[in-house]
Amino acid sequence: MILKGSQRGNGSDLAVHLMNSYDNERVEIAEIHGAVADDLFGAFAEFEAVASGTKASKYLYSLSINPPSLLSREQYGEAIALIEERLGLQG
């Protein structure tokens, strides 16, 4: 499985990129947690507002998961949970 992660700022640009079904083979928002908003643009705006009270400029972590074969939704969930745990991002 190929994982590509990066820290980034400018949530609105990231939201536009992630929701771009022209450049992305598949676009699906499975879950948003840690925000009141239930959409990507709103959640990222909330995260940016919180970060504005800190010195953080790269307040988002973006991870691209490219498996060698198709994964079920459950398998993606398990992979994401494991990655969050290893990065200390769970909870």
N, C-alpha and C. Protein backbone atom coordinates (compact mmCIF):
# COMPACT_ATOMS: atom_id res chain seq x y z
N MET A 1 0.85 -1.16 0.00
CA MET A 1 0.00 0.00 0.00
C MET A 1 0.90 1.22 0.00
N ILE A 2 0.60 2.18 -0.85
CA ILE A 2 1.38 3.40 -0.94
C ILE A 2 0.65 4.49 -0.15
N LEU A 3 1.35 5.08 0.82
CA LEU A 3 0.81 6.17 1.62
C LEU A 3 1.63 7.42 1.35
N LYS A 4 0.93 8.52 1.13
CA LYS A 4 1.61 9.80 0.93
C LYS A 4 0.94 10.82 1.83
N GLY A 5 1.67 11.27 2.84
CA GLY A 5 1.10 12.22 3.79
C GLY A 5 1.86 13.52 3.79
N SER A 6 1.14 14.58 4.15
CA SER A 6 1.80 15.88 4.26
C SER A 6 1.03 16.78 5.20
N GLN A 7 1.75 17.66 5.86
CA GLN A 7 1.14 18.70 6.68
C GLN A 7 0.88 19.87 5.77
N ARG A 8 -0.26 20.54 5.99
CA ARG A 8 -0.57 21.67 5.12
C ARG A 8 -1.49 22.66 5.80
N GLY A 9 -1.51 23.83 5.25
CA GLY A 9 -2.41 24.88 5.67
C GLY A 9 -3.40 25.13 4.55
N ASN A 10 -4.06 26.27 4.56
CA ASN A 10 -5.01 26.67 3.54
C ASN A 10 -6.05 25.59 3.26
N GLY A 11 -6.92 25.39 4.22
CA GLY A 11 -7.93 24.35 4.15
C GLY A 11 -8.88 24.49 2.97
N SER A 12 -9.19 25.72 2.57
CA SER A 12 -10.13 25.88 1.46
C SER A 12 -9.54 25.34 0.16
N ASP A 13 -8.25 25.56 -0.07
CA ASP A 13 -7.60 24.99 -1.27
C ASP A 13 -7.58 23.47 -1.21
N LEU A 14 -7.31 22.92 -0.03
CA LEU A 14 -7.29 21.46 0.11
C LEU A 14 -8.69 20.89 -0.11
N ALA A 15 -9.71 21.54 0.41
CA ALA A 15 -11.09 21.07 0.21
C ALA A 15 -11.45 21.05 -1.26
N VAL A 16 -11.09 22.11 -1.99
CA VAL A 16 -11.36 22.16 -3.43
C VAL A 16 -10.65 21.01 -4.14
N HIS A 17 -9.39 20.79 -3.80
CA HIS A 17 -8.63 19.70 -4.41
C HIS A 17 -9.25 18.34 -4.11
N LEU A 18 -9.59 18.10 -2.84
CA LEU A 18 -10.14 16.80 -2.46
C LEU A 18 -11.50 16.53 -3.10
N MET A 19 -12.29 17.55 -3.29
CA MET A 19 -13.64 17.37 -3.84
C MET A 19 -13.65 17.38 -5.37
N ASN A 20 -12.49 17.54 -5.99
CA ASN A 20 -12.38 17.62 -7.44
C ASN A 20 -12.47 16.22 -8.06
N SER A 21 -13.64 15.85 -8.53
CA SER A 21 -13.82 14.52 -9.10
C SER A 21 -13.20 14.39 -10.50
N TYR A 22 -12.80 15.50 -11.10
CA TYR A 22 -12.15 15.45 -12.41
C TYR A 22 -10.74 14.87 -12.29
N ASP A 23 -9.98 15.33 -11.28
CA ASP A 23 -8.60 14.89 -11.09
C ASP A 23 -8.47 13.68 -10.18
N ASN A 24 -9.48 13.41 -9.38
CA ASN A 24 -9.43 12.29 -8.45
C ASN A 24 -10.32 11.16 -8.97
N GLU A 25 -9.78 9.97 -8.95
CA GLU A 25 -10.50 8.80 -9.47
C GLU A 25 -11.82 8.58 -8.73
N ARG A 26 -11.78 8.81 -7.44
CA ARG A 26 -12.98 8.60 -6.63
C ARG A 26 -12.99 9.61 -5.49
N VAL A 27 -14.13 10.23 -5.27
CA VAL A 27 -14.27 11.20 -4.19
C VAL A 27 -15.42 10.76 -3.29
N GLU A 28 -15.10 10.53 -2.02
CA GLU A 28 -16.12 10.15 -1.06
C GLU A 28 -15.68 10.64 0.32
N ILE A 29 -16.54 11.40 0.96
CA ILE A 29 -16.27 11.83 2.34
C ILE A 29 -16.95 10.81 3.23
N ALA A 30 -16.17 9.98 3.88
CA ALA A 30 -16.72 8.91 4.71
C ALA A 30 -17.07 9.41 6.09
N GLU A 31 -16.29 10.34 6.62
CA GLU A 31 -16.51 10.80 7.99
C GLU A 31 -15.80 12.12 8.22
N ILE A 32 -16.44 12.98 8.98
CA ILE A 32 -15.80 14.20 9.46
C ILE A 32 -15.98 14.20 10.96
N HIS A 33 -14.87 14.26 11.69
CA HIS A 33 -15.00 14.35 13.14
C HIS A 33 -14.07 15.42 13.67
N GLY A 34 -14.42 15.96 14.82
CA GLY A 34 -13.63 17.03 15.40
C GLY A 34 -14.11 18.41 14.99
N ALA A 35 -15.28 18.48 14.32
CA ALA A 35 -15.82 19.76 13.87
C ALA A 35 -17.33 19.76 14.03
N VAL A 36 -17.90 20.94 14.13
CA VAL A 36 -19.36 21.07 14.17
C VAL A 36 -19.92 20.92 12.76
N ALA A 37 -19.22 21.47 11.78
CA ALA A 37 -19.68 21.41 10.38
C ALA A 37 -19.75 19.97 9.90
N ASP A 38 -20.67 19.73 8.98
CA ASP A 38 -20.79 18.38 8.43
C ASP A 38 -20.33 18.32 6.98
N ASP A 39 -19.62 19.37 6.53
CA ASP A 39 -19.05 19.37 5.19
C ASP A 39 -17.58 19.75 5.27
N LEU A 40 -16.83 19.39 4.26
CA LEU A 40 -15.38 19.58 4.26
C LEU A 40 -14.98 21.05 4.36
N PHE A 41 -15.63 21.91 3.59
CA PHE A 41 -15.27 23.33 3.59
C PHE A 41 -15.51 23.95 4.97
N GLY A 42 -16.63 23.63 5.60
CA GLY A 42 -16.94 24.15 6.92
C GLY A 42 -16.00 23.62 7.98
N ALA A 43 -15.71 22.32 7.93
CA ALA A 43 -14.80 21.72 8.91
C ALA A 43 -13.41 22.33 8.79
N PHE A 44 -12.91 22.48 7.58
CA PHE A 44 -11.58 23.05 7.41
C PHE A 44 -11.55 24.52 7.84
N ALA A 45 -12.64 25.25 7.66
CA ALA A 45 -12.72 26.63 8.12
C ALA A 45 -12.66 26.67 9.65
N GLU A 46 -13.31 25.73 10.31
CA GLU A 46 -13.25 25.64 11.77
C GLU A 46 -11.82 25.38 12.22
N PHE A 47 -11.15 24.43 11.58
CA PHE A 47 -9.77 24.09 11.95
C PHE A 47 -8.85 25.29 11.74
N GLU A 48 -9.08 26.04 10.67
CA GLU A 48 -8.27 27.23 10.40
C GLU A 48 -8.50 28.29 11.48
N ALA A 49 -9.75 28.45 11.91
CA ALA A 49 -10.06 29.42 12.97
C ALA A 49 -9.36 29.06 14.27
N VAL A 50 -9.36 27.79 14.62
CA VAL A 50 -8.66 27.34 15.83
C VAL A 50 -7.16 27.59 15.69
N ALA A 51 -6.61 27.27 14.53
CA ALA A 51 -5.17 27.44 14.30
C ALA A 51 -4.77 28.90 14.31
N SER A 52 -5.68 29.80 13.96
CA SER A 52 -5.33 31.23 13.92
C SER A 52 -4.98 31.76 15.31
N GLY A 53 -5.39 31.07 16.35
CA GLY A 53 -5.03 31.46 17.71
C GLY A 53 -3.72 30.85 18.17
N THR A 54 -3.02 30.20 17.27
CA THR A 54 -1.74 29.56 17.58
C THR A 54 -0.68 30.02 16.59
N LYS A 55 0.49 29.44 16.68
CA LYS A 55 1.55 29.75 15.71
C LYS A 55 1.55 28.75 14.55
N ALA A 56 0.58 27.83 14.55
CA ALA A 56 0.55 26.78 13.52
C ALA A 56 0.22 27.37 12.15
N SER A 57 1.01 27.04 11.17
CA SER A 57 0.71 27.44 9.79
C SER A 57 0.25 26.24 8.97
N LYS A 58 0.65 25.06 9.40
CA LYS A 58 0.24 23.82 8.72
C LYS A 58 -0.58 23.00 9.72
N TYR A 59 -1.85 23.32 9.78
CA TYR A 59 -2.74 22.78 10.79
C TYR A 59 -3.54 21.56 10.32
N LEU A 60 -3.32 21.12 9.11
CA LEU A 60 -4.01 19.94 8.56
C LEU A 60 -2.99 18.87 8.20
N TYR A 61 -3.43 17.62 8.27
CA TYR A 61 -2.61 16.51 7.81
C TYR A 61 -3.40 15.81 6.72
N SER A 62 -2.83 15.73 5.55
CA SER A 62 -3.48 15.12 4.39
C SER A 62 -2.78 13.80 4.08
N LEU A 63 -3.57 12.75 3.92
CA LEU A 63 -3.01 11.43 3.62
C LEU A 63 -3.70 10.84 2.42
N SER A 64 -2.92 10.44 1.45
CA SER A 64 -3.44 9.75 0.27
C SER A 64 -3.10 8.26 0.41
N ILE A 65 -4.13 7.43 0.27
CA ILE A 65 -3.96 5.98 0.39
C ILE A 65 -4.19 5.35 -0.98
N ASN A 66 -3.16 4.68 -1.49
CA ASN A 66 -3.27 4.01 -2.79
C ASN A 66 -2.93 2.54 -2.61
N PRO A 67 -3.96 1.71 -2.41
CA PRO A 67 -3.71 0.28 -2.21
C PRO A 67 -3.41 -0.42 -3.53
N PRO A 68 -2.69 -1.55 -3.48
CA PRO A 68 -2.36 -2.28 -4.70
C PRO A 68 -3.59 -2.97 -5.31
N SER A 69 -4.63 -3.18 -4.49
CA SER A 69 -5.88 -3.78 -4.99
C SER A 69 -7.04 -3.11 -4.26
N LEU A 70 -8.24 -3.34 -4.75
CA LEU A 70 -9.42 -2.72 -4.17
C LEU A 70 -9.60 -3.13 -2.71
N LEU A 71 -9.99 -2.17 -1.89
CA LEU A 71 -10.28 -2.43 -0.48
C LEU A 71 -11.76 -2.18 -0.23
N SER A 72 -12.31 -2.91 0.71
CA SER A 72 -13.68 -2.66 1.12
C SER A 72 -13.70 -1.42 2.01
N ARG A 73 -14.88 -0.87 2.24
CA ARG A 73 -15.01 0.28 3.13
C ARG A 73 -14.47 -0.07 4.52
N GLU A 74 -14.74 -1.29 4.96
CA GLU A 74 -14.27 -1.75 6.28
C GLU A 74 -12.74 -1.78 6.31
N GLN A 75 -12.12 -2.27 5.25
CA GLN A 75 -10.66 -2.34 5.20
C GLN A 75 -10.05 -0.93 5.20
N TYR A 76 -10.67 0.00 4.46
CA TYR A 76 -10.19 1.38 4.49
C TYR A 76 -10.28 1.93 5.91
N GLY A 77 -11.41 1.68 6.58
CA GLY A 77 -11.59 2.14 7.95
C GLY A 77 -10.54 1.59 8.89
N GLU A 78 -10.23 0.32 8.74
CA GLU A 78 -9.20 -0.31 9.57
C GLU A 78 -7.83 0.30 9.30
N ALA A 79 -7.53 0.53 8.02
CA ALA A 79 -6.24 1.13 7.66
C ALA A 79 -6.14 2.55 8.23
N ILE A 80 -7.20 3.33 8.12
CA ILE A 80 -7.19 4.70 8.63
C ILE A 80 -7.03 4.70 10.15
N ALA A 81 -7.74 3.81 10.85
CA ALA A 81 -7.63 3.73 12.30
C ALA A 81 -6.19 3.40 12.72
N LEU A 82 -5.56 2.47 12.02
CA LEU A 82 -4.18 2.09 12.34
C LEU A 82 -3.23 3.25 12.08
N ILE A 83 -3.42 3.94 10.97
CA ILE A 83 -2.56 5.08 10.64
C ILE A 83 -2.73 6.20 11.67
N GLU A 84 -3.99 6.50 12.04
CA GLU A 84 -4.23 7.52 13.06
C GLU A 84 -3.55 7.16 14.38
N GLU A 85 -3.64 5.89 14.76
CA GLU A 85 -3.01 5.44 16.00
C GLU A 85 -1.50 5.63 15.94
N ARG A 86 -0.89 5.20 14.84
CA ARG A 86 0.58 5.30 14.73
C ARG A 86 1.07 6.73 14.68
N LEU A 87 0.21 7.65 14.18
CA LEU A 87 0.58 9.07 14.12
C LEU A 87 0.17 9.82 15.39
N GLY A 88 -0.50 9.13 16.31
CA GLY A 88 -0.95 9.77 17.54
C GLY A 88 -2.14 10.69 17.31
N LEU A 89 -2.96 10.39 16.30
CA LEU A 89 -4.09 11.25 15.95
C LEU A 89 -5.44 10.68 16.37
N GLN A 90 -5.46 9.55 17.06
CA GLN A 90 -6.73 8.95 17.45
C GLN A 90 -7.36 9.75 18.59
N GLY A 91 -8.69 9.63 18.72
CA GLY A 91 -9.40 10.31 19.81
C GLY A 91 -9.61 11.75 19.49
